[in-house]
């Protein structure tokens, strides 16, 4: 939450061929939403050069899809780990105070892709990793807000709510999909 003045600026940057990030600068604060852009150290240097100090980054934390390789049990754990590694690297390279896990609050709901859920990072997984790295993370449950002037430091109540949600994924109904002859 930033109490916006009428004097603010925005920056939209293309990353790769299909993604873009969005930054908002207001009252001396900068928020960068990288969403599911796969940014690297060079991109981070460019953000810092173009935007200056970045206070908060919103970043993808889990799987958003899968290319369908048949050996998914060998492949997907590494993909999930790379996403966490990238979050940590982005946090450090951008020099931000706080990261909010933002993209990939999804579950795969069809019989033919539900296995991906077993390899997804959860908000708890991300929080544990950031804690181990001694980096600040703010986990927000839907409806919660974040105040840059008084940043959230205790994630436990939000994490408990997410833990309950993620624990029910196996109980959900999964779409079987129509067979096409």
Protein backbone atom coordinates (compact mmCIF):
# COMPACT_ATOMS: atom_id res chain seq x y z
CA UNK A 1 0.00 0.00 0.00
CA UNK A 2 1.41 3.33 -1.01
CA UNK A 3 -0.65 6.40 -0.38
CA UNK A 4 -0.34 7.59 -3.94
CA UNK A 5 0.17 11.21 -4.71
CA UNK A 6 -0.95 12.52 -8.03
CA UNK A 7 2.71 12.72 -8.97
CA UNK A 8 3.91 9.23 -9.77
CA UNK A 9 5.66 7.56 -12.65
CA UNK A 10 5.55 4.14 -14.23
CA UNK A 11 7.97 2.07 -16.25
CA UNK A 12 7.03 -0.86 -18.47
CA UNK A 13 9.94 -2.98 -19.73
CA UNK A 14 9.88 -5.78 -22.26
CA UNK A 15 11.71 -8.93 -21.20
CA UNK A 16 12.34 -11.47 -23.93
CA UNK A 17 9.74 -11.66 -26.65
CA UNK A 18 6.58 -12.25 -24.63
CA UNK A 19 6.96 -10.85 -21.12
CA UNK A 20 7.05 -7.43 -19.54
CA UNK A 21 7.61 -5.99 -16.11
CA UNK A 22 5.95 -2.97 -14.57
CA UNK A 23 7.39 -0.50 -12.06
CA UNK A 24 5.64 2.23 -10.11
CA UNK A 25 7.57 5.06 -8.48
CA UNK A 26 5.83 7.28 -5.93
CA UNK A 27 6.85 9.29 -2.87
CA UNK A 28 10.42 8.01 -3.00
CA UNK A 29 9.44 4.35 -3.21
CA UNK A 30 9.77 1.98 -6.16
CA UNK A 31 7.77 -1.20 -6.61
CA UNK A 32 8.78 -3.59 -9.40
CA UNK A 33 6.43 -6.32 -10.58
CA UNK A 34 8.46 -8.83 -12.59
CA UNK A 35 5.54 -11.30 -12.47
CA UNK A 36 6.77 -14.33 -14.42
CA UNK A 37 9.53 -12.62 -16.39
CA UNK A 38 12.73 -14.61 -16.31
CA UNK A 39 15.12 -11.80 -15.50
CA UNK A 40 18.85 -12.28 -15.12
CA UNK A 41 21.68 -10.32 -13.48
CA UNK A 42 22.08 -8.06 -16.51
CA UNK A 43 18.36 -7.22 -16.46
CA UNK A 44 18.65 -6.43 -12.74
CA UNK A 45 21.58 -4.07 -13.38
CA UNK A 46 19.52 -2.32 -16.05
CA UNK A 47 16.55 -1.97 -13.68
CA UNK A 48 18.79 -0.45 -11.02
CA UNK A 49 20.30 1.93 -13.58
CA UNK A 50 16.89 2.96 -14.94
CA UNK A 51 14.83 2.94 -11.73
CA UNK A 52 17.35 3.66 -8.99
CA UNK A 53 16.63 2.15 -5.58
CA UNK A 54 13.97 -0.57 -5.73
CA UNK A 55 12.15 -1.18 -2.46
CA UNK A 56 9.87 -4.06 -3.32
CA UNK A 57 9.76 -6.76 -6.00
CA UNK A 58 6.79 -8.98 -6.83
CA UNK A 59 8.03 -12.23 -8.33
CA UNK A 60 6.91 -15.62 -9.59
CA UNK A 61 7.46 -18.37 -7.03
CA UNK A 62 6.27 -21.60 -8.60
CA UNK A 63 5.46 -23.55 -11.72
CA UNK A 64 3.08 -21.93 -14.18
CA UNK A 65 3.20 -24.67 -16.80
CA UNK A 66 5.17 -27.61 -18.05
CA UNK A 67 6.35 -28.66 -21.49
CA UNK A 68 5.19 -32.25 -20.99
CA UNK A 69 8.49 -34.12 -20.96
CA UNK A 70 7.71 -37.71 -20.05
CA UNK A 71 10.38 -37.96 -17.34
CA UNK A 72 8.69 -35.27 -15.23
CA UNK A 73 9.71 -36.91 -11.93
CA UNK A 74 13.32 -36.27 -12.85
CA UNK A 75 12.78 -32.87 -14.44
CA UNK A 76 10.21 -30.95 -12.34
CA UNK A 77 12.04 -30.88 -8.98
CA UNK A 78 14.92 -29.10 -10.70
CA UNK A 79 12.59 -26.63 -12.40
CA UNK A 80 10.98 -25.76 -9.05
CA UNK A 81 14.40 -25.30 -7.48
CA UNK A 82 15.53 -23.03 -10.32
CA UNK A 83 12.53 -20.79 -9.74
CA UNK A 84 13.49 -20.43 -6.05
CA UNK A 85 17.13 -19.82 -6.98
CA UNK A 86 16.07 -17.12 -9.43
CA UNK A 87 13.92 -15.41 -6.79
CA UNK A 88 16.88 -15.28 -4.41
CA UNK A 89 19.22 -14.06 -7.16
CA UNK A 90 16.72 -11.40 -8.28
CA UNK A 91 16.24 -10.18 -4.70
CA UNK A 92 19.99 -9.78 -4.23
CA UNK A 93 20.77 -8.42 -7.71
CA UNK A 94 18.00 -5.82 -7.44
CA UNK A 95 19.10 -4.84 -3.94
CA UNK A 96 15.49 -4.82 -2.73
CA UNK A 97 14.36 -4.72 0.87
CA UNK A 98 11.46 -7.13 0.38
CA UNK A 99 10.16 -9.70 -2.11
CA UNK A 100 6.51 -10.70 -2.34
CA UNK A 101 5.81 -14.10 -3.92
CA UNK A 102 3.24 -13.05 -6.45
CA UNK A 103 2.72 -15.26 -9.48
CA UNK A 104 1.77 -18.94 -9.57
CA UNK A 105 -0.93 -19.25 -6.95
CA UNK A 106 -2.37 -21.92 -9.21
CA UNK A 107 -3.15 -25.57 -9.18
CA UNK A 108 -3.35 -27.83 -12.17
CA UNK A 109 -6.92 -29.09 -12.30
CA UNK A 110 -7.02 -31.69 -15.07
CA UNK A 111 -6.32 -35.39 -14.66
CA UNK A 112 -3.58 -35.20 -17.28
CA UNK A 113 -1.62 -32.38 -15.58
CA UNK A 114 -2.46 -32.72 -11.88
CA UNK A 115 0.91 -34.39 -11.25
CA UNK A 116 2.54 -30.96 -11.62
CA UNK A 117 0.99 -29.95 -8.28
CA UNK A 118 3.28 -32.41 -6.52
CA UNK A 119 6.32 -30.39 -7.62
CA UNK A 120 4.99 -26.86 -7.10
CA UNK A 121 6.61 -24.48 -4.65
CA UNK A 122 4.29 -23.31 -1.92
CA UNK A 123 4.42 -20.01 -0.04
CA UNK A 124 5.84 -22.01 2.91
CA UNK A 125 8.63 -23.42 0.72
CA UNK A 126 9.52 -19.91 -0.43
CA UNK A 127 9.38 -18.46 3.10
CA UNK A 128 11.67 -21.21 4.41
CA UNK A 129 14.18 -20.60 1.65
CA UNK A 130 14.19 -16.82 2.16
CA UNK A 131 14.59 -17.31 5.92
CA UNK A 132 17.55 -19.64 5.32
CA UNK A 133 19.09 -17.00 3.06
CA UNK A 134 18.40 -14.25 5.64
CA UNK A 135 16.31 -12.25 3.14
CA UNK A 136 13.06 -10.40 3.79
CA UNK A 137 9.91 -11.90 2.29
CA UNK A 138 6.32 -10.73 2.74
CA UNK A 139 3.70 -13.42 2.17
CA UNK A 140 0.28 -11.92 1.56
CA UNK A 141 -2.92 -13.95 1.71
CA UNK A 142 -5.70 -12.66 -0.58
CA UNK A 143 -7.14 -9.47 0.87
CA UNK A 144 -4.01 -8.54 2.85
CA UNK A 145 -2.06 -5.38 2.11
CA UNK A 146 1.57 -4.36 2.30
CA UNK A 147 2.64 -0.95 3.53
CA UNK A 148 6.06 0.16 2.28
CA UNK A 149 6.31 2.64 5.13
CA UNK A 150 5.74 -0.10 7.72
CA UNK A 151 6.72 -3.41 6.07
CA UNK A 152 5.25 -6.72 7.20
CA UNK A 153 7.76 -8.92 8.99
CA UNK A 154 5.61 -11.76 10.37
CA UNK A 155 4.30 -14.14 7.74
CA UNK A 156 3.12 -16.98 9.96
CA UNK A 157 -0.63 -16.28 9.95
CA UNK A 158 -0.62 -15.92 6.15
CA UNK A 159 1.49 -19.06 5.76
CA UNK A 160 -0.89 -21.06 7.94
CA UNK A 161 -3.82 -20.03 5.73
CA UNK A 162 -1.91 -21.07 2.63
CA UNK A 163 -0.81 -24.35 4.24
CA UNK A 164 -4.49 -25.22 4.78
CA UNK A 165 -5.34 -24.43 1.15
CA UNK A 166 -2.45 -26.38 -0.30
CA UNK A 167 -3.22 -29.37 1.93
CA UNK A 168 -6.62 -29.73 0.21
CA UNK A 169 -5.34 -29.92 -3.38
CA UNK A 170 -5.43 -33.72 -3.48
CA UNK A 171 -9.10 -33.63 -2.36
CA UNK A 172 -10.23 -31.39 -5.21
CA UNK A 173 -12.15 -32.68 -8.19
CA UNK A 174 -10.07 -32.92 -11.30
CA UNK A 175 -11.45 -32.52 -14.79
CA UNK A 176 -11.14 -35.68 -16.83
CA UNK A 177 -11.52 -33.89 -20.14
CA UNK A 178 -13.43 -35.22 -23.11
CA UNK A 179 -11.84 -37.91 -25.25
CA UNK A 180 -11.71 -37.01 -28.91
CA UNK A 181 -11.73 -40.02 -31.22
